[in-house]
C-alpha atoms as a PDB file:
ATOM      1  CA  MET A   1      85.877  86.390  51.819  1.00  0.00           C
ATOM      2  CA  LYS A   2      87.052  84.170  54.492  1.00  0.00           C
ATOM      3  CA  ARG A   3      90.452  84.115  53.026  1.00  0.00           C
ATOM      4  CA  ALA A   4      90.602  87.920  52.892  1.00  0.00           C
ATOM      5  CA  GLN A   5      89.583  88.180  56.484  1.00  0.00           C
ATOM      6  CA  LEU A   6      92.216  85.657  57.478  1.00  0.00           C
ATOM      7  CA  LYS A   7      94.833  87.764  55.722  1.00  0.00           C
ATOM      8  CA  ILE A   8      93.672  90.892  57.501  1.00  0.00           C
ATOM      9  CA  TYR A   9      93.694  89.121  60.869  1.00  0.00           C
ATOM     10  CA  ALA A  10      97.164  87.663  60.200  1.00  0.00           C
ATOM     11  CA  THR A  11      98.507  91.113  59.186  1.00  0.00           C
ATOM     12  CA  LEU A  12      97.005  92.769  62.325  1.00  0.00           C
ATOM     13  CA  TRP A  13      98.506  90.106  64.550  1.00  0.00           C
ATOM     14  CA  LEU A  14     101.848  90.551  62.822  1.00  0.00           C
ATOM     15  CA  ALA A  15     101.761  94.321  63.185  1.00  0.00           C
ATOM     16  CA  ALA A  16     100.805  93.910  66.887  1.00  0.00           C
ATOM     17  CA  ALA A  17     103.662  91.457  67.541  1.00  0.00           C
ATOM     18  CA  LEU A  18     106.127  93.694  65.745  1.00  0.00           C
ATOM     19  CA  ALA A  19     104.895  96.692  67.877  1.00  0.00           C
ATOM     20  CA  VAL A  20     105.396  94.796  71.043  1.00  0.00           C
ATOM     21  CA  ALA A  21     108.853  93.615  69.964  1.00  0.00           C
ATOM     22  CA  VAL A  22     109.883  97.298  69.220  1.00  0.00           C
ATOM     23  CA  VAL A  23     108.631  98.423  72.646  1.00  0.00           C
ATOM     24  CA  VAL A  24     110.444  95.616  74.427  1.00  0.00           C
ATOM     25  CA  TRP A  25     113.624  96.378  72.467  1.00  0.00           C
ATOM     26  CA  TRP A  26     113.379 100.122  73.364  1.00  0.00           C
ATOM     27  CA  LEU A  27     112.889  99.377  77.134  1.00  0.00           C
ATOM     28  CA  VAL A  28     115.785  97.048  77.266  1.00  0.00           C
ATOM     29  CA  GLY A  29     117.972  99.709  75.663  1.00  0.00           C
ATOM     30  CA  ALA A  30     116.756 102.397  77.944  1.00  0.00           C
ATOM     31  CA  LEU A  31     117.406 100.219  81.065  1.00  0.00           C
ATOM     32  CA  ARG A  32     120.921  99.483  79.896  1.00  0.00           C
ATOM     33  CA  LYS A  33     121.630 103.202  79.563  1.00  0.00           C
ATOM     34  CA  THR A  34     120.110 104.030  83.018  1.00  0.00           C
ATOM     35  CA  ALA A  35     122.251 102.225  85.564  1.00  0.00           C
ATOM     36  CA  LEU A  36     120.507 101.887  88.848  1.00  0.00           C
ATOM     37  CA  THR A  37     122.954 101.986  91.761  1.00  0.00           C
ATOM     38  CA  VAL A  38     122.229 101.757  95.447  1.00  0.00           C
ATOM     39  CA  ALA A  39     124.652 103.387  97.931  1.00  0.00           C
ATOM     40  CA  VAL A  40     124.555 102.846 101.583  1.00  0.00           C
ATOM     41  CA  ASP A  41     125.680 105.730 103.790  1.00  0.00           C
ATOM     42  CA  GLN A  42     127.390 104.267 106.796  1.00  0.00           C
ATOM     43  CA  GLY A  43     127.655 107.627 108.536  1.00  0.00           C
ATOM     44  CA  ILE A  44     125.203 108.985 111.047  1.00  0.00           C
ATOM     45  CA  ASN A  45     124.477 112.673 110.958  1.00  0.00           C
ATOM     46  CA  ILE A  46     123.415 114.679 113.996  1.00  0.00           C
ATOM     47  CA  THR A  47     121.309 117.694 113.077  1.00  0.00           C
ATOM     48  CA  PRO A  48     121.379 121.133 114.519  1.00  0.00           C
ATOM     49  CA  GLN A  49     117.826 120.509 115.856  1.00  0.00           C
ATOM     50  CA  GLN A  50     119.096 117.432 117.806  1.00  0.00           C
ATOM     51  CA  ILE A  51     122.003 119.435 119.206  1.00  0.00           C
ATOM     52  CA  ALA A  52     119.602 122.177 120.308  1.00  0.00           C
ATOM     53  CA  SER A  53     117.271 119.678 121.895  1.00  0.00           C
ATOM     54  CA  ILE A  54     120.110 118.064 123.821  1.00  0.00           C
ATOM     55  CA  LYS A  55     121.273 121.492 124.953  1.00  0.00           C
ATOM     56  CA  ALA A  56     117.750 122.400 126.017  1.00  0.00           C
ATOM     57  CA  ILE A  57     117.998 119.721 128.720  1.00  0.00           C
ATOM     58  CA  GLY A  58     119.623 122.491 130.700  1.00  0.00           C
ATOM     59  CA  GLU A  59     120.733 121.263 134.197  1.00  0.00           C
ATOM     60  CA  TRP A  60     121.557 117.545 134.201  1.00  0.00           C
ATOM     61  CA  GLU A  61     121.956 116.054 137.585  1.00  0.00           C
ATOM     62  CA  PHE A  62     124.446 113.177 137.920  1.00  0.00           C
ATOM     63  CA  LEU A  63     124.680 112.801 141.682  1.00  0.00           C
ATOM     64  CA  SER A  64     122.842 114.035 144.726  1.00  0.00           C
ATOM     65  CA  VAL A  65     124.390 114.070 148.158  1.00  0.00           C
ATOM     66  CA  ASP A  66     122.077 114.307 151.228  1.00  0.00           C
ATOM     67  CA  ASP A  67     123.737 115.925 154.228  1.00  0.00           C
ATOM     68  CA  GLU A  68     122.789 116.682 157.847  1.00  0.00           C
ATOM     69  CA  GLU A  69     124.796 119.144 159.812  1.00  0.00           C
ATOM     70  CA  LEU A  70     124.604 120.022 163.505  1.00  0.00           C
ATOM     71  CA  VAL A  71     125.767 123.595 163.964  1.00  0.00           C
ATOM     72  CA  ASP A  72     126.070 125.491 167.219  1.00  0.00           C
ATOM     73  CA  THR A  73     127.177 128.836 168.608  1.00  0.00           C
ATOM     74  CA  VAL A  74     127.841 130.215 172.030  1.00  0.00           C
ATOM     75  CA  ARG A  75     127.443 133.763 173.252  1.00  0.00           C
ATOM     76  CA  ARG A  76     129.407 134.475 176.355  1.00  0.00           C
ATOM     77  CA  GLY A  77     127.626 136.341 179.152  1.00  0.00           C
ATOM     78  CA  PHE A  78     128.579 137.794 182.523  1.00  0.00           C
ATOM     79  CA  PHE A  79     126.413 135.423 184.608  1.00  0.00           C
ATOM     80  CA  SER A  80     125.810 132.638 182.066  1.00  0.00           C
ATOM     81  CA  ASP A  81     126.393 131.674 178.465  1.00  0.00           C
ATOM     82  CA  ASP A  82     123.604 131.414 175.798  1.00  0.00           C
ATOM     83  CA  HIS A  83     123.724 128.381 173.457  1.00  0.00           C
ATOM     84  CA  LEU A  84     122.105 127.759 170.111  1.00  0.00           C
ATOM     85  CA  ALA A  85     122.406 124.494 168.339  1.00  0.00           C
ATOM     86  CA  ARG A  86     120.337 123.609 165.142  1.00  0.00           C
ATOM     87  CA  ILE A  87     120.238 120.650 162.785  1.00  0.00           C
ATOM     88  CA  TYR A  88     120.221 121.490 159.123  1.00  0.00           C
ATOM     89  CA  TYR A  89     119.295 119.127 156.266  1.00  0.00           C
ATOM     90  CA  GLY A  90     120.185 119.646 152.694  1.00  0.00           C
ATOM     91  CA  THR A  91     120.626 117.899 149.296  1.00  0.00           C
ATOM     92  CA  LEU A  92     123.537 118.944 147.049  1.00  0.00           C
ATOM     93  CA  ARG A  93     122.813 118.229 143.432  1.00  0.00           C
ATOM     94  CA  ILE A  94     125.922 117.801 141.362  1.00  0.00           C
ATOM     95  CA  GLY A  95     125.932 117.865 137.474  1.00  0.00           C
ATOM     96  CA  ILE A  96     126.309 120.118 134.522  1.00  0.00           C
ATOM     97  CA  ASN A  97     124.381 122.918 132.893  1.00  0.00           C
ATOM     98  CA  LEU A  98     124.198 122.322 129.136  1.00  0.00           C
ATOM     99  CA  HIS A  99     123.426 126.006 128.597  1.00  0.00           C
ATOM    100  CA  ASP A 100     127.109 126.560 129.463  1.00  0.00           C
ATOM    101  CA  VAL A 101     128.510 124.504 126.550  1.00  0.00           C
ATOM    102  CA  GLU A 102     130.890 126.207 124.083  1.00  0.00           C
ATOM    103  CA  PRO A 103     130.053 126.412 120.364  1.00  0.00           C
ATOM    104  CA  GLY A 104     131.120 123.186 118.584  1.00  0.00           C
ATOM    105  CA  TRP A 105     130.728 121.146 121.812  1.00  0.00           C
ATOM    106  CA  LEU A 106     129.270 118.159 119.952  1.00  0.00           C
ATOM    107  CA  LYS A 107     130.933 116.883 116.733  1.00  0.00           C
ATOM    108  CA  ALA A 108     129.860 113.808 114.814  1.00  0.00           C
ATOM    109  CA  SER A 109     131.909 112.028 112.238  1.00  0.00           C
ATOM    110  CA  GLY A 110     130.614 108.759 110.701  1.00  0.00           C
ATOM    111  CA  ASP A 111     129.465 106.484 113.524  1.00  0.00           C
ATOM    112  CA  SER A 112     131.385 108.374 116.174  1.00  0.00           C
ATOM    113  CA  VAL A 113     130.582 111.470 118.234  1.00  0.00           C
ATOM    114  CA  VAL A 114     132.813 113.560 120.509  1.00  0.00           C
ATOM    115  CA  ALA A 115     131.370 115.800 123.231  1.00  0.00           C
ATOM    116  CA  ARG A 116     133.092 118.479 125.208  1.00  0.00           C
ATOM    117  CA  LEU A 117     131.099 118.931 128.350  1.00  0.00           C
ATOM    118  CA  PRO A 118     131.231 121.712 130.907  1.00  0.00           C
ATOM    119  CA  ARG A 119     132.800 121.223 134.317  1.00  0.00           C
ATOM    120  CA  VAL A 120     130.815 119.187 136.853  1.00  0.00           C
ATOM    121  CA  GLY A 121     129.664 121.340 139.777  1.00  0.00           C
ATOM    122  CA  LEU A 122     126.927 122.283 142.145  1.00  0.00           C
ATOM    123  CA  LEU A 123     123.603 122.936 140.289  1.00  0.00           C
ATOM    124  CA  ASP A 124     121.793 124.859 142.975  1.00  0.00           C
ATOM    125  CA  LYS A 125     123.214 127.058 145.764  1.00  0.00           C
ATOM    126  CA  ASP A 126     120.043 126.885 147.764  1.00  0.00           C
ATOM    127  CA  PHE A 127     120.220 123.319 148.854  1.00  0.00           C
ATOM    128  CA  ILE A 128     119.334 123.615 152.612  1.00  0.00           C
ATOM    129  CA  ASP A 129     115.810 122.482 153.308  1.00  0.00           C
ATOM    130  CA  GLU A 130     114.786 125.156 155.796  1.00  0.00           C
ATOM    131  CA  ALA A 131     111.417 123.548 156.438  1.00  0.00           C
ATOM    132  CA  ARG A 132     113.230 120.555 157.993  1.00  0.00           C
ATOM    133  CA  THR A 133     115.618 122.622 160.101  1.00  0.00           C
ATOM    134  CA  LYS A 134     115.292 121.737 163.835  1.00  0.00           C
ATOM    135  CA  ASN A 135     116.439 123.462 167.069  1.00  0.00           C
ATOM    136  CA  PHE A 136     118.556 120.967 168.881  1.00  0.00           C
ATOM    137  CA  PHE A 137     119.232 123.148 171.898  1.00  0.00           C
ATOM    138  CA  GLU A 138     118.512 126.784 172.613  1.00  0.00           C
ATOM    139  CA  SER A 139     119.155 128.835 175.717  1.00  0.00           C
ATOM    140  CA  GLY A 140     118.916 132.692 175.917  1.00  0.00           C
ATOM    141  CA  ARG A 141     117.482 135.032 173.347  1.00  0.00           C
ATOM    142  CA  TRP A 142     118.552 134.811 169.687  1.00  0.00           C
ATOM    143  CA  ASP A 143     117.647 137.245 166.921  1.00  0.00           C
ATOM    144  CA  GLY A 144     117.432 136.709 163.110  1.00  0.00           C
ATOM    145  CA  THR A 145     120.995 137.829 162.537  1.00  0.00           C
ATOM    146  CA  ALA A 146     122.423 135.063 164.765  1.00  0.00           C
ATOM    147  CA  ARG A 147     120.141 132.439 163.103  1.00  0.00           C
ATOM    148  CA  GLU A 148     121.284 133.662 159.659  1.00  0.00           C
ATOM    149  CA  ALA A 149     124.930 133.335 160.710  1.00  0.00           C
ATOM    150  CA  LEU A 150     124.262 129.734 161.849  1.00  0.00           C
ATOM    151  CA  TYR A 151     122.567 129.041 158.558  1.00  0.00           C
ATOM    152  CA  MET A 152     125.614 130.305 156.591  1.00  0.00           C
ATOM    153  CA  LYS A 153     127.875 128.244 158.841  1.00  0.00           C
ATOM    154  CA  ALA A 154     125.803 125.059 157.980  1.00  0.00           C
ATOM    155  CA  HIS A 155     125.932 126.051 154.298  1.00  0.00           C
ATOM    156  CA  ARG A 156     129.717 126.236 154.284  1.00  0.00           C
ATOM    157  CA  GLN A 157     129.952 122.867 156.170  1.00  0.00           C
ATOM    158  CA  MET A 158     127.713 121.167 153.637  1.00  0.00           C
ATOM    159  CA  LEU A 159     129.801 122.465 150.790  1.00  0.00           C
ATOM    160  CA  VAL A 160     132.931 121.099 152.397  1.00  0.00           C
ATOM    161  CA  HIS A 161     131.404 117.685 153.080  1.00  0.00           C
ATOM    162  CA  GLY A 162     129.353 117.400 149.879  1.00  0.00           C
ATOM    163  CA  LEU A 163     131.603 118.835 147.186  1.00  0.00           C
ATOM    164  CA  THR A 164     134.522 116.556 147.713  1.00  0.00           C
ATOM    165  CA  GLU A 165     136.775 115.447 144.892  1.00  0.00           C
ATOM    166  CA  GLN A 166     135.389 111.921 145.348  1.00  0.00           C
ATOM    167  CA  HIS A 167     131.782 113.098 144.864  1.00  0.00           C
ATOM    168  CA  LEU A 168     132.731 115.207 141.793  1.00  0.00           C
ATOM    169  CA  GLU A 169     134.617 112.219 140.215  1.00  0.00           C
ATOM    170  CA  ARG A 170     131.675 109.915 140.887  1.00  0.00           C
ATOM    171  CA  ALA A 171     129.315 112.557 139.218  1.00  0.00           C
ATOM    172  CA  ARG A 172     131.649 112.695 136.136  1.00  0.00           C
ATOM    173  CA  GLN A 173     131.554 108.914 135.911  1.00  0.00           C
ATOM    174  CA  ASN A 174     127.702 108.870 136.169  1.00  0.00           C
ATOM    175  CA  GLY A 175     127.537 111.664 133.619  1.00  0.00           C
ATOM    176  CA  GLU A 176     129.689 109.694 131.167  1.00  0.00           C
ATOM    177  CA  VAL A 177     127.447 106.621 131.498  1.00  0.00           C
ATOM    178  CA  GLN A 178     124.250 108.638 130.994  1.00  0.00           C
ATOM    179  CA  PHE A 179     125.684 110.737 128.061  1.00  0.00           C
ATOM    180  CA  ARG A 180     126.992 107.581 126.307  1.00  0.00           C
ATOM    181  CA  GLN A 181     123.587 105.905 126.703  1.00  0.00           C
ATOM    182  CA  MET A 182     121.859 108.914 125.139  1.00  0.00           C
ATOM    183  CA  MET A 183     124.352 109.110 122.167  1.00  0.00           C
ATOM    184  CA  LYS A 184     123.981 105.313 121.644  1.00  0.00           C
ATOM    185  CA  ALA A 185     120.187 105.759 121.547  1.00  0.00           C
ATOM    186  CA  LEU A 186     120.733 108.315 118.736  1.00  0.00           C
ATOM    187  CA  GLY A 187     122.766 105.687 116.770  1.00  0.00           C
ATOM    188  CA  PHE A 188     126.338 106.542 117.638  1.00  0.00           C
ATOM    189  CA  PRO A 189     128.198 103.378 118.824  1.00  0.00           C
ATOM    190  CA  HIS A 190     131.408 105.250 119.465  1.00  0.00           C
ATOM    191  CA  VAL A 191     131.202 108.133 121.963  1.00  0.00           C
ATOM    192  CA  GLY A 192     134.125 110.236 123.182  1.00  0.00           C
ATOM    193  CA  ILE A 193     133.741 112.608 126.153  1.00  0.00           C
ATOM    194  CA  ARG A 194     136.071 115.369 127.248  1.00  0.00           C
ATOM    195  CA  TRP A 195     135.417 117.501 130.359  1.00  0.00           C
ATOM    196  CA  GLU A 196     136.280 121.181 130.517  1.00  0.00           C
ATOM    197  CA  ASP A 197     138.826 122.160 133.180  1.00  0.00           C
END
């Protein structure tokens, strides 16, 4: 009986070893047929959602110019002249409005991106801080119309002194630096920028 049991155990072990060998042979064959390849995409894609979120920034200030203007007017009279002189303070904010970009303004290709940005200009036309306006000198009686005319004169002078070509060029340079930094943070090492005329 011991001999019969040994034969049975030997047969079971042989059958188990044969089954394991068949499974290993089948797996090796299956792995040879299924080639596993790994491809690395070197390109960076910018999604429409990312473009929309960049555009949602809206007004993007690149330079602010603080200005102070002394403006005066004289009203000639028969016996004496009336004088009004006021000091106006304002901050001109120069930059771009990303809501003004044209379709296709941002194009990515591989690890490069090219942006076509709108023209740099004044972001807010109400740049005079009326709360800081001071009377420098006043003689005679002046109505609201005369004060409004003086305000408009100060507004024009601030535009002349604040929106110079030098300030606009400096704003463009600041804008390029800021935009490049943002694109590099998104993973684009090569950034091209074109400004609209």
